[in-house]
Amino acid sequence: LRGGSEAIHSNQAIAQCIQSGLKQTDLPVEAIQVVETTDRAAVGELI
């Protein structure tokens, strides 16, 4: 998941909830990853 730079704090907080939830199960935490950088180059790489 790569959210917009304008929502970076909100997205990272939600990501923490997701990671915390996954850690309490047998599923890999890497199943849901939120890109931590606001660098637009990340979009170019992802696509």
ModelCIF file with pLDDT and N, C-alpha, C, O atoms, coordinates in Angstrom:
data_MODEL
#
_entry.id   MODEL 
#
_entity.id                         1 
_entity.type                       polymer 
_entity.pdbx_number_of_molecules   1 
#
_entity_poly.entity_id                      1 
_entity_poly.type                           'polypeptide(L)' 
_entity_poly.nstd_linkage                   no 
_entity_poly.nstd_monomer                   no 
_entity_poly.pdbx_seq_one_letter_code       LRGGSEAIHSNQAIAQCIQSGLKQTDLPVEAIQVVETTDRAAVGELI 
_entity_poly.pdbx_seq_one_letter_code_can   LRGGSEAIHSNQAIAQCIQSGLKQTDLPVEAIQVVETTDRAAVGELI 
_entity_poly.pdbx_strand_id                 A 
#
loop_
_entity_poly_seq.entity_id 
_entity_poly_seq.num 
_entity_poly_seq.mon_id 
_entity_poly_seq.hetero 
1 1  LEU n 
1 2  ARG n 
1 3  GLY n 
1 4  GLY n 
1 5  SER n 
1 6  GLU n 
1 7  ALA n 
1 8  ILE n 
1 9  HIS n 
1 10 SER n 
1 11 ASN n 
1 12 GLN n 
1 13 ALA n 
1 14 ILE n 
1 15 ALA n 
1 16 GLN n 
1 17 CYS n 
1 18 ILE n 
1 19 GLN n 
1 20 SER n 
1 21 GLY n 
1 22 LEU n 
1 23 LYS n 
1 24 GLN n 
1 25 THR n 
1 26 ASP n 
1 27 LEU n 
1 28 PRO n 
1 29 VAL n 
1 30 GLU n 
1 31 ALA n 
1 32 ILE n 
1 33 GLN n 
1 34 VAL n 
1 35 VAL n 
1 36 GLU n 
1 37 THR n 
1 38 THR n 
1 39 ASP n 
1 40 ARG n 
1 41 ALA n 
1 42 ALA n 
1 43 VAL n 
1 44 GLY n 
1 45 GLU n 
1 46 LEU n 
1 47 ILE n 
#
_struct_asym.id          A 
_struct_asym.entity_id   1 
#
loop_
_ma_qa_metric.id 
_ma_qa_metric.mode 
_ma_qa_metric.name 
_ma_qa_metric.software_group_id 
_ma_qa_metric.type 
1 global pLDDT . pLDDT 
2 local  pLDDT . pLDDT 
#
_ma_qa_metric_global.metric_id      1 
_ma_qa_metric_global.metric_value   91.66 
_ma_qa_metric_global.model_id       1 
_ma_qa_metric_global.ordinal_id     1 
#
loop_
_ma_qa_metric_local.label_asym_id 
_ma_qa_metric_local.label_comp_id 
_ma_qa_metric_local.label_seq_id 
_ma_qa_metric_local.metric_id 
_ma_qa_metric_local.metric_value 
_ma_qa_metric_local.model_id 
_ma_qa_metric_local.ordinal_id 
A LEU 1  2 93.00 1 1  
A ARG 2  2 93.00 1 2  
A GLY 3  2 89.00 1 3  
A GLY 4  2 86.00 1 4  
A SER 5  2 87.00 1 5  
A GLU 6  2 90.00 1 6  
A ALA 7  2 91.00 1 7  
A ILE 8  2 92.00 1 8  
A HIS 9  2 94.00 1 9  
A SER 10 2 94.00 1 10 
A ASN 11 2 93.00 1 11 
A GLN 12 2 93.00 1 12 
A ALA 13 2 94.00 1 13 
A ILE 14 2 95.00 1 14 
A ALA 15 2 92.00 1 15 
A GLN 16 2 92.00 1 16 
A CYS 17 2 94.00 1 17 
A ILE 18 2 94.00 1 18 
A GLN 19 2 91.00 1 19 
A SER 20 2 91.00 1 20 
A GLY 21 2 91.00 1 21 
A LEU 22 2 92.00 1 22 
A LYS 23 2 91.00 1 23 
A GLN 24 2 90.00 1 24 
A THR 25 2 89.00 1 25 
A ASP 26 2 87.00 1 26 
A LEU 27 2 93.00 1 27 
A PRO 28 2 94.00 1 28 
A VAL 29 2 94.00 1 29 
A GLU 30 2 95.00 1 30 
A ALA 31 2 95.00 1 31 
A ILE 32 2 95.00 1 32 
A GLN 33 2 94.00 1 33 
A VAL 34 2 92.00 1 34 
A VAL 35 2 92.00 1 35 
A GLU 36 2 89.00 1 36 
A THR 37 2 88.00 1 37 
A THR 38 2 84.00 1 38 
A ASP 39 2 88.00 1 39 
A ARG 40 2 87.00 1 40 
A ALA 41 2 91.00 1 41 
A ALA 42 2 91.00 1 42 
A VAL 43 2 91.00 1 43 
A GLY 44 2 93.00 1 44 
A GLU 45 2 94.00 1 45 
A LEU 46 2 95.00 1 46 
A ILE 47 2 95.00 1 47 
#
loop_
_atom_site.group_PDB 
_atom_site.id 
_atom_site.type_symbol 
_atom_site.label_atom_id 
_atom_site.label_alt_id 
_atom_site.label_comp_id 
_atom_site.label_asym_id 
_atom_site.label_entity_id 
_atom_site.label_seq_id 
_atom_site.pdbx_PDB_ins_code 
_atom_site.Cartn_x 
_atom_site.Cartn_y 
_atom_site.Cartn_z 
_atom_site.occupancy 
_atom_site.B_iso_or_equiv 
_atom_site.pdbx_formal_charge 
_atom_site.auth_seq_id 
_atom_site.auth_comp_id 
_atom_site.auth_asym_id 
_atom_site.auth_atom_id 
_atom_site.pdbx_PDB_model_num 
ATOM 1   N N  . LEU A 1 1  ? 0.837  -1.199  0.000   1.00 93.00 ? 1  LEU A N  1 
ATOM 2   C CA . LEU A 1 1  ? 0.000  0.000   0.000   1.00 93.00 ? 1  LEU A CA 1 
ATOM 3   C C  . LEU A 1 1  ? 0.873  1.250   0.000   1.00 93.00 ? 1  LEU A C  1 
ATOM 4   O O  . LEU A 1 1  ? 1.764  1.404   0.836   1.00 93.00 ? 1  LEU A O  1 
ATOM 5   N N  . ARG A 1 2  ? 0.603  2.134   -0.947  1.00 93.00 ? 2  ARG A N  1 
ATOM 6   C CA . ARG A 1 2  ? 1.339  3.392   -0.994  1.00 93.00 ? 2  ARG A CA 1 
ATOM 7   C C  . ARG A 1 2  ? 0.328  4.533   -0.964  1.00 93.00 ? 2  ARG A C  1 
ATOM 8   O O  . ARG A 1 2  ? -0.284 4.857   -1.982  1.00 93.00 ? 2  ARG A O  1 
ATOM 9   N N  . GLY A 1 3  ? 0.156  5.137   0.205   1.00 89.00 ? 3  GLY A N  1 
ATOM 10  C CA . GLY A 1 3  ? -0.776 6.244   0.361   1.00 89.00 ? 3  GLY A CA 1 
ATOM 11  C C  . GLY A 1 3  ? -0.134 7.566   0.007   1.00 89.00 ? 3  GLY A C  1 
ATOM 12  O O  . GLY A 1 3  ? 1.077  7.653   -0.196  1.00 89.00 ? 3  GLY A O  1 
ATOM 13  N N  . GLY A 1 4  ? -0.964 8.598   -0.065  1.00 86.00 ? 4  GLY A N  1 
ATOM 14  C CA . GLY A 1 4  ? -0.473 9.923   -0.400  1.00 86.00 ? 4  GLY A CA 1 
ATOM 15  C C  . GLY A 1 4  ? 0.310  10.552  0.738   1.00 86.00 ? 4  GLY A C  1 
ATOM 16  O O  . GLY A 1 4  ? 0.097  10.232  1.908   1.00 86.00 ? 4  GLY A O  1 
ATOM 17  N N  . SER A 1 5  ? 1.214  11.447  0.386   1.00 87.00 ? 5  SER A N  1 
ATOM 18  C CA . SER A 1 5  ? 2.041  12.111  1.402   1.00 87.00 ? 5  SER A CA 1 
ATOM 19  C C  . SER A 1 5  ? 1.189  12.930  2.363   1.00 87.00 ? 5  SER A C  1 
ATOM 20  O O  . SER A 1 5  ? 1.576  13.132  3.514   1.00 87.00 ? 5  SER A O  1 
ATOM 21  N N  . GLU A 1 6  ? 0.014  13.411  1.895   1.00 90.00 ? 6  GLU A N  1 
ATOM 22  C CA . GLU A 1 6  ? -0.830 14.233  2.762   1.00 90.00 ? 6  GLU A CA 1 
ATOM 23  C C  . GLU A 1 6  ? -1.450 13.426  3.898   1.00 90.00 ? 6  GLU A C  1 
ATOM 24  O O  . GLU A 1 6  ? -1.943 14.007  4.865   1.00 90.00 ? 6  GLU A O  1 
ATOM 25  N N  . ALA A 1 7  ? -1.434 12.067  3.795   1.00 91.00 ? 7  ALA A N  1 
ATOM 26  C CA . ALA A 1 7  ? -2.042 11.218  4.827   1.00 91.00 ? 7  ALA A CA 1 
ATOM 27  C C  . ALA A 1 7  ? -0.997 10.323  5.502   1.00 91.00 ? 7  ALA A C  1 
ATOM 28  O O  . ALA A 1 7  ? -1.353 9.293   6.075   1.00 91.00 ? 7  ALA A O  1 
ATOM 29  N N  . ILE A 1 8  ? 0.258  10.691  5.446   1.00 92.00 ? 8  ILE A N  1 
ATOM 30  C CA . ILE A 1 8  ? 1.328  9.801   5.900   1.00 92.00 ? 8  ILE A CA 1 
ATOM 31  C C  . ILE A 1 8  ? 1.185  9.429   7.378   1.00 92.00 ? 8  ILE A C  1 
ATOM 32  O O  . ILE A 1 8  ? 1.385  8.267   7.732   1.00 92.00 ? 8  ILE A O  1 
ATOM 33  N N  . HIS A 1 9  ? 0.844  10.385  8.250   1.00 94.00 ? 9  HIS A N  1 
ATOM 34  C CA . HIS A 1 9  ? 0.725  10.075  9.672   1.00 94.00 ? 9  HIS A CA 1 
ATOM 35  C C  . HIS A 1 9  ? -0.460 9.143   9.933   1.00 94.00 ? 9  HIS A C  1 
ATOM 36  O O  . HIS A 1 9  ? -0.353 8.199   10.716  1.00 94.00 ? 9  HIS A O  1 
ATOM 37  N N  . SER A 1 10 ? -1.575 9.410   9.283   1.00 94.00 ? 10 SER A N  1 
ATOM 38  C CA . SER A 1 10 ? -2.768 8.564   9.451   1.00 94.00 ? 10 SER A CA 1 
ATOM 39  C C  . SER A 1 10 ? -2.506 7.153   8.932   1.00 94.00 ? 10 SER A C  1 
ATOM 40  O O  . SER A 1 10 ? -2.853 6.168   9.584   1.00 94.00 ? 10 SER A O  1 
ATOM 41  N N  . ASN A 1 11 ? -1.892 7.064   7.757   1.00 93.00 ? 11 ASN A N  1 
ATOM 42  C CA . ASN A 1 11 ? -1.641 5.750   7.156   1.00 93.00 ? 11 ASN A CA 1 
ATOM 43  C C  . ASN A 1 11 ? -0.696 4.910   8.004   1.00 93.00 ? 11 ASN A C  1 
ATOM 44  O O  . ASN A 1 11 ? -0.903 3.708   8.166   1.00 93.00 ? 11 ASN A O  1 
ATOM 45  N N  . GLN A 1 12 ? 0.336  5.539   8.541   1.00 93.00 ? 12 GLN A N  1 
ATOM 46  C CA . GLN A 1 12 ? 1.286  4.786   9.360   1.00 93.00 ? 12 GLN A CA 1 
ATOM 47  C C  . GLN A 1 12 ? 0.635  4.324   10.665  1.00 93.00 ? 12 GLN A C  1 
ATOM 48  O O  . GLN A 1 12 ? 0.949  3.248   11.174  1.00 93.00 ? 12 GLN A O  1 
ATOM 49  N N  . ALA A 1 13 ? -0.268 5.137   11.200  1.00 94.00 ? 13 ALA A N  1 
ATOM 50  C CA . ALA A 1 13 ? -0.970 4.736   12.428  1.00 94.00 ? 13 ALA A CA 1 
ATOM 51  C C  . ALA A 1 13 ? -1.883 3.543   12.154  1.00 94.00 ? 13 ALA A C  1 
ATOM 52  O O  . ALA A 1 13 ? -1.951 2.615   12.960  1.00 94.00 ? 13 ALA A O  1 
ATOM 53  N N  . ILE A 1 14 ? -2.579 3.565   11.030  1.00 95.00 ? 14 ILE A N  1 
ATOM 54  C CA . ILE A 1 14 ? -3.424 2.428   10.654  1.00 95.00 ? 14 ILE A CA 1 
ATOM 55  C C  . ILE A 1 14 ? -2.565 1.204   10.375  1.00 95.00 ? 14 ILE A C  1 
ATOM 56  O O  . ILE A 1 14 ? -2.939 0.084   10.723  1.00 95.00 ? 14 ILE A O  1 
ATOM 57  N N  . ALA A 1 15 ? -1.412 1.418   9.745   1.00 92.00 ? 15 ALA A N  1 
ATOM 58  C CA . ALA A 1 15 ? -0.491 0.304   9.476   1.00 92.00 ? 15 ALA A CA 1 
ATOM 59  C C  . ALA A 1 15 ? -0.044 -0.365  10.769  1.00 92.00 ? 15 ALA A C  1 
ATOM 60  O O  . ALA A 1 15 ? 0.106  -1.586  10.822  1.00 92.00 ? 15 ALA A O  1 
ATOM 61  N N  . GLN A 1 16 ? 0.165  0.421   11.795  1.00 92.00 ? 16 GLN A N  1 
ATOM 62  C CA . GLN A 1 16 ? 0.552  -0.156  13.086  1.00 92.00 ? 16 GLN A CA 1 
ATOM 63  C C  . GLN A 1 16 ? -0.544 -1.060  13.633  1.00 92.00 ? 16 GLN A C  1 
ATOM 64  O O  . GLN A 1 16 ? -0.258 -2.111  14.207  1.00 92.00 ? 16 GLN A O  1 
ATOM 65  N N  . CYS A 1 17 ? -1.795 -0.654  13.455  1.00 94.00 ? 17 CYS A N  1 
ATOM 66  C CA . CYS A 1 17 ? -2.924 -1.496  13.879  1.00 94.00 ? 17 CYS A CA 1 
ATOM 67  C C  . CYS A 1 17 ? -2.931 -2.806  13.100  1.00 94.00 ? 17 CYS A C  1 
ATOM 68  O O  . CYS A 1 17 ? -3.170 -3.873  13.667  1.00 94.00 ? 17 CYS A O  1 
ATOM 69  N N  . ILE A 1 18 ? -2.669 -2.719  11.808  1.00 94.00 ? 18 ILE A N  1 
ATOM 70  C CA . ILE A 1 18 ? -2.660 -3.918  10.962  1.00 94.00 ? 18 ILE A CA 1 
ATOM 71  C C  . ILE A 1 18 ? -1.534 -4.852  11.374  1.00 94.00 ? 18 ILE A C  1 
ATOM 72  O O  . ILE A 1 18 ? -1.739 -6.057  11.525  1.00 94.00 ? 18 ILE A O  1 
ATOM 73  N N  . GLN A 1 19 ? -0.347 -4.292  11.554  1.00 91.00 ? 19 GLN A N  1 
ATOM 74  C CA . GLN A 1 19 ? 0.793  -5.122  11.939  1.00 91.00 ? 19 GLN A CA 1 
ATOM 75  C C  . GLN A 1 19 ? 0.565  -5.770  13.297  1.00 91.00 ? 19 GLN A C  1 
ATOM 76  O O  . GLN A 1 19 ? 0.889  -6.940  13.500  1.00 91.00 ? 19 GLN A O  1 
ATOM 77  N N  . SER A 1 20 ? 0.008  -5.006  14.216  1.00 91.00 ? 20 SER A N  1 
ATOM 78  C CA . SER A 1 20 ? -0.274 -5.548  15.547  1.00 91.00 ? 20 SER A CA 1 
ATOM 79  C C  . SER A 1 20 ? -1.270 -6.696  15.458  1.00 91.00 ? 20 SER A C  1 
ATOM 80  O O  . SER A 1 20 ? -1.128 -7.705  16.149  1.00 91.00 ? 20 SER A O  1 
ATOM 81  N N  . GLY A 1 21 ? -2.282 -6.539  14.602  1.00 91.00 ? 21 GLY A N  1 
ATOM 82  C CA . GLY A 1 21 ? -3.258 -7.606  14.433  1.00 91.00 ? 21 GLY A CA 1 
ATOM 83  C C  . GLY A 1 21 ? -2.658 -8.855  13.819  1.00 91.00 ? 21 GLY A C  1 
ATOM 84  O O  . GLY A 1 21 ? -2.949 -9.968  14.258  1.00 91.00 ? 21 GLY A O  1 
ATOM 85  N N  . LEU A 1 22 ? -1.812 -8.677  12.795  1.00 92.00 ? 22 LEU A N  1 
ATOM 86  C CA . LEU A 1 22 ? -1.196 -9.835  12.136  1.00 92.00 ? 22 LEU A CA 1 
ATOM 87  C C  . LEU A 1 22 ? -0.265 -10.591 13.073  1.00 92.00 ? 22 LEU A C  1 
ATOM 88  O O  . LEU A 1 22 ? -0.175 -11.817 13.005  1.00 92.00 ? 22 LEU A O  1 
ATOM 89  N N  . LYS A 1 23 ? 0.427  -9.867  13.944  1.00 91.00 ? 23 LYS A N  1 
ATOM 90  C CA . LYS A 1 23 ? 1.359  -10.513 14.874  1.00 91.00 ? 23 LYS A CA 1 
ATOM 91  C C  . LYS A 1 23 ? 0.653  -11.439 15.854  1.00 91.00 ? 23 LYS A C  1 
ATOM 92  O O  . LYS A 1 23 ? 1.274  -12.332 16.431  1.00 91.00 ? 23 LYS A O  1 
ATOM 93  N N  . GLN A 1 24 ? -0.646 -11.226 16.040  1.00 90.00 ? 24 GLN A N  1 
ATOM 94  C CA . GLN A 1 24 ? -1.410 -12.069 16.955  1.00 90.00 ? 24 GLN A CA 1 
ATOM 95  C C  . GLN A 1 24 ? -1.986 -13.304 16.265  1.00 90.00 ? 24 GLN A C  1 
ATOM 96  O O  . GLN A 1 24 ? -2.746 -14.060 16.869  1.00 90.00 ? 24 GLN A O  1 
ATOM 97  N N  . THR A 1 25 ? -1.617 -13.507 14.987  1.00 89.00 ? 25 THR A N  1 
ATOM 98  C CA . THR A 1 25 ? -2.098 -14.660 14.225  1.00 89.00 ? 25 THR A CA 1 
ATOM 99  C C  . THR A 1 25 ? -0.914 -15.425 13.661  1.00 89.00 ? 25 THR A C  1 
ATOM 100 O O  . THR A 1 25 ? 0.242  -15.083 13.912  1.00 89.00 ? 25 THR A O  1 
ATOM 101 N N  . ASP A 1 26 ? -1.218 -16.470 12.892  1.00 87.00 ? 26 ASP A N  1 
ATOM 102 C CA . ASP A 1 26 ? -0.164 -17.253 12.243  1.00 87.00 ? 26 ASP A CA 1 
ATOM 103 C C  . ASP A 1 26 ? 0.149  -16.757 10.836  1.00 87.00 ? 26 ASP A C  1 
ATOM 104 O O  . ASP A 1 26 ? 0.910  -17.395 10.108  1.00 87.00 ? 26 ASP A O  1 
ATOM 105 N N  . LEU A 1 27 ? -0.424 -15.638 10.454  1.00 93.00 ? 27 LEU A N  1 
ATOM 106 C CA . LEU A 1 27 ? -0.182 -15.111 9.111   1.00 93.00 ? 27 LEU A CA 1 
ATOM 107 C C  . LEU A 1 27 ? 1.072  -14.227 9.094   1.00 93.00 ? 27 LEU A C  1 
ATOM 108 O O  . LEU A 1 27 ? 1.405  -13.605 10.102  1.00 93.00 ? 27 LEU A O  1 
ATOM 109 N N  . PRO A 1 28 ? 1.767  -14.171 7.946   1.00 94.00 ? 28 PRO A N  1 
ATOM 110 C CA . PRO A 1 28 ? 2.989  -13.356 7.876   1.00 94.00 ? 28 PRO A CA 1 
ATOM 111 C C  . PRO A 1 28 ? 2.680  -11.864 7.943   1.00 94.00 ? 28 PRO A C  1 
ATOM 112 O O  . PRO A 1 28 ? 1.747  -11.382 7.300   1.00 94.00 ? 28 PRO A O  1 
ATOM 113 N N  . VAL A 1 29 ? 3.475  -11.140 8.729   1.00 94.00 ? 29 VAL A N  1 
ATOM 114 C CA . VAL A 1 29 ? 3.259  -9.689  8.830   1.00 94.00 ? 29 VAL A CA 1 
ATOM 115 C C  . VAL A 1 29 ? 3.562  -9.006  7.502   1.00 94.00 ? 29 VAL A C  1 
ATOM 116 O O  . VAL A 1 29 ? 3.094  -7.894  7.254   1.00 94.00 ? 29 VAL A O  1 
ATOM 117 N N  . GLU A 1 30 ? 4.344  -9.664  6.645   1.00 95.00 ? 30 GLU A N  1 
ATOM 118 C CA . GLU A 1 30 ? 4.671  -9.092  5.335   1.00 95.00 ? 30 GLU A CA 1 
ATOM 119 C C  . GLU A 1 30 ? 3.506  -9.200  4.355   1.00 95.00 ? 30 GLU A C  1 
ATOM 120 O O  . GLU A 1 30 ? 3.598  -8.727  3.223   1.00 95.00 ? 30 GLU A O  1 
ATOM 121 N N  . ALA A 1 31 ? 2.410  -9.823  4.790   1.00 95.00 ? 31 ALA A N  1 
ATOM 122 C CA . ALA A 1 31 ? 1.243  -9.953  3.909   1.00 95.00 ? 31 ALA A CA 1 
ATOM 123 C C  . ALA A 1 31 ? 0.652  -8.591  3.579   1.00 95.00 ? 31 ALA A C  1 
ATOM 124 O O  . ALA A 1 31 ? 0.086  -8.409  2.502   1.00 95.00 ? 31 ALA A O  1 
ATOM 125 N N  . ILE A 1 32 ? 0.776  -7.633  4.492   1.00 95.00 ? 32 ILE A N  1 
ATOM 126 C CA . ILE A 1 32 ? 0.271  -6.276  4.276   1.00 95.00 ? 32 ILE A CA 1 
ATOM 127 C C  . ILE A 1 32 ? 1.387  -5.309  4.639   1.00 95.00 ? 32 ILE A C  1 
ATOM 128 O O  . ILE A 1 32 ? 1.749  -5.186  5.809   1.00 95.00 ? 32 ILE A O  1 
ATOM 129 N N  . GLN A 1 33 ? 1.929  -4.626  3.647   1.00 94.00 ? 33 GLN A N  1 
ATOM 130 C CA . GLN A 1 33 ? 3.025  -3.687  3.874   1.00 94.00 ? 33 GLN A CA 1 
ATOM 131 C C  . GLN A 1 33 ? 2.617  -2.300  3.392   1.00 94.00 ? 33 GLN A C  1 
ATOM 132 O O  . GLN A 1 33 ? 2.089  -2.138  2.291   1.00 94.00 ? 33 GLN A O  1 
ATOM 133 N N  . VAL A 1 34 ? 2.869  -1.312  4.231   1.00 92.00 ? 34 VAL A N  1 
ATOM 134 C CA . VAL A 1 34 ? 2.579  0.077   3.882   1.00 92.00 ? 34 VAL A CA 1 
ATOM 135 C C  . VAL A 1 34 ? 3.903  0.782   3.619   1.00 92.00 ? 34 VAL A C  1 
ATOM 136 O O  . VAL A 1 34 ? 4.786  0.804   4.477   1.00 92.00 ? 34 VAL A O  1 
ATOM 137 N N  . VAL A 1 35 ? 4.034  1.358   2.429   1.00 92.00 ? 35 VAL A N  1 
ATOM 138 C CA . VAL A 1 35 ? 5.269  2.057   2.059   1.00 92.00 ? 35 VAL A CA 1 
ATOM 139 C C  . VAL A 1 35 ? 5.492  3.227   3.007   1.00 92.00 ? 35 VAL A C  1 
ATOM 140 O O  . VAL A 1 35 ? 4.595  4.045   3.211   1.00 92.00 ? 35 VAL A O  1 
ATOM 141 N N  . GLU A 1 36 ? 6.671  3.305   3.578   1.00 89.00 ? 36 GLU A N  1 
ATOM 142 C CA . GLU A 1 36 ? 6.944  4.302   4.617   1.00 89.00 ? 36 GLU A CA 1 
ATOM 143 C C  . GLU A 1 36 ? 7.474  5.620   4.076   1.00 89.00 ? 36 GLU A C  1 
ATOM 144 O O  . GLU A 1 36 ? 7.490  6.621   4.793   1.00 89.00 ? 36 GLU A O  1 
ATOM 145 N N  . THR A 1 37 ? 7.907  5.635   2.827   1.00 88.00 ? 37 THR A N  1 
ATOM 146 C CA . THR A 1 37 ? 8.457  6.863   2.267   1.00 88.00 ? 37 THR A CA 1 
ATOM 147 C C  . THR A 1 37 ? 7.395  7.639   1.496   1.00 88.00 ? 37 THR A C  1 
ATOM 148 O O  . THR A 1 37 ? 6.482  7.050   0.916   1.00 88.00 ? 37 THR A O  1 
ATOM 149 N N  . THR A 1 38 ? 7.521  8.965   1.493   1.00 84.00 ? 38 THR A N  1 
ATOM 150 C CA . THR A 1 38 ? 6.631  9.807   0.686   1.00 84.00 ? 38 THR A CA 1 
ATOM 151 C C  . THR A 1 38 ? 7.267  10.157  -0.658  1.00 84.00 ? 38 THR A C  1 
ATOM 152 O O  . THR A 1 38 ? 6.684  10.901  -1.446  1.00 84.00 ? 38 THR A O  1 
ATOM 153 N N  . ASP A 1 39 ? 8.450  9.628   -0.920  1.00 88.00 ? 39 ASP A N  1 
ATOM 154 C CA . ASP A 1 39 ? 9.147  9.881   -2.185  1.00 88.00 ? 39 ASP A CA 1 
ATOM 155 C C  . ASP A 1 39 ? 8.316  9.334   -3.342  1.00 88.00 ? 39 ASP A C  1 
ATOM 156 O O  . ASP A 1 39 ? 7.953  8.158   -3.347  1.00 88.00 ? 39 ASP A O  1 
ATOM 157 N N  . ARG A 1 40 ? 8.018  10.181  -4.313  1.00 87.00 ? 40 ARG A N  1 
ATOM 158 C CA . ARG A 1 40 ? 7.183  9.762   -5.443  1.00 87.00 ? 40 ARG A CA 1 
ATOM 159 C C  . ARG A 1 40 ? 7.841  8.694   -6.304  1.00 87.00 ? 40 ARG A C  1 
ATOM 160 O O  . ARG A 1 40 ? 7.169  7.993   -7.062  1.00 87.00 ? 40 ARG A O  1 
ATOM 161 N N  . ALA A 1 41 ? 9.155  8.576   -6.183  1.00 91.00 ? 41 ALA A N  1 
ATOM 162 C CA . ALA A 1 41 ? 9.853  7.547   -6.948  1.00 91.00 ? 41 ALA A CA 1 
ATOM 163 C C  . ALA A 1 41 ? 9.376  6.151   -6.559  1.00 91.00 ? 41 ALA A C  1 
ATOM 164 O O  . ALA A 1 41 ? 9.486  5.209   -7.344  1.00 91.00 ? 41 ALA A O  1 
ATOM 165 N N  . ALA A 1 42 ? 8.847  6.023   -5.346  1.00 91.00 ? 42 ALA A N  1 
ATOM 166 C CA . ALA A 1 42 ? 8.345  4.718   -4.895  1.00 91.00 ? 42 ALA A CA 1 
ATOM 167 C C  . ALA A 1 42 ? 7.191  4.243   -5.766  1.00 91.00 ? 42 ALA A C  1 
ATOM 168 O O  . ALA A 1 42 ? 7.047  3.047   -6.018  1.00 91.00 ? 42 ALA A O  1 
ATOM 169 N N  . VAL A 1 43 ? 6.366  5.186   -6.225  1.00 91.00 ? 43 VAL A N  1 
ATOM 170 C CA . VAL A 1 43 ? 5.251  4.820   -7.103  1.00 91.00 ? 43 VAL A CA 1 
ATOM 171 C C  . VAL A 1 43 ? 5.774  4.282   -8.420  1.00 91.00 ? 43 VAL A C  1 
ATOM 172 O O  . VAL A 1 43 ? 5.288  3.272   -8.930  1.00 91.00 ? 43 VAL A O  1 
ATOM 173 N N  . GLY A 1 44 ? 6.785  4.975   -8.976  1.00 93.00 ? 44 GLY A N  1 
ATOM 174 C CA . GLY A 1 44 ? 7.376  4.521   -10.232 1.00 93.00 ? 44 GLY A CA 1 
ATOM 175 C C  . GLY A 1 44 ? 7.944  3.125   -10.137 1.00 93.00 ? 44 GLY A C  1 
ATOM 176 O O  . GLY A 1 44 ? 7.842  2.345   -11.084 1.00 93.00 ? 44 GLY A O  1 
ATOM 177 N N  . GLU A 1 45 ? 8.542  2.800   -9.002  1.00 94.00 ? 45 GLU A N  1 
ATOM 178 C CA . GLU A 1 45 ? 9.090  1.457   -8.809  1.00 94.00 ? 45 GLU A CA 1 
ATOM 179 C C  . GLU A 1 45 ? 7.970  0.423   -8.667  1.00 94.00 ? 45 GLU A C  1 
ATOM 180 O O  . GLU A 1 45 ? 8.032  -0.658  -9.252  1.00 94.00 ? 45 GLU A O  1 
ATOM 181 N N  . LEU A 1 46 ? 6.949  0.771   -7.883  1.00 95.00 ? 46 LEU A N  1 
ATOM 182 C CA . LEU A 1 46 ? 5.877  -0.184  -7.592  1.00 95.00 ? 46 LEU A CA 1 
ATOM 183 C C  . LEU A 1 46 ? 5.153  -0.627  -8.856  1.00 95.00 ? 46 LEU A C  1 
ATOM 184 O O  . LEU A 1 46 ? 4.780  -1.794  -8.980  1.00 95.00 ? 46 LEU A O  1 
ATOM 185 N N  . ILE A 1 47 ? 4.949  0.294   -9.795  1.00 95.00 ? 47 ILE A N  1 
ATOM 186 C CA . ILE A 1 47 ? 4.174  -0.032  -10.992 1.00 95.00 ? 47 ILE A CA 1 
ATOM 187 C C  . ILE A 1 47 ? 5.015  -0.657  -12.100 1.00 95.00 ? 47 ILE A C  1 
ATOM 188 O O  . ILE A 1 47 ? 4.490  -0.982  -13.165 1.00 95.00 ? 47 ILE A O  1 
#
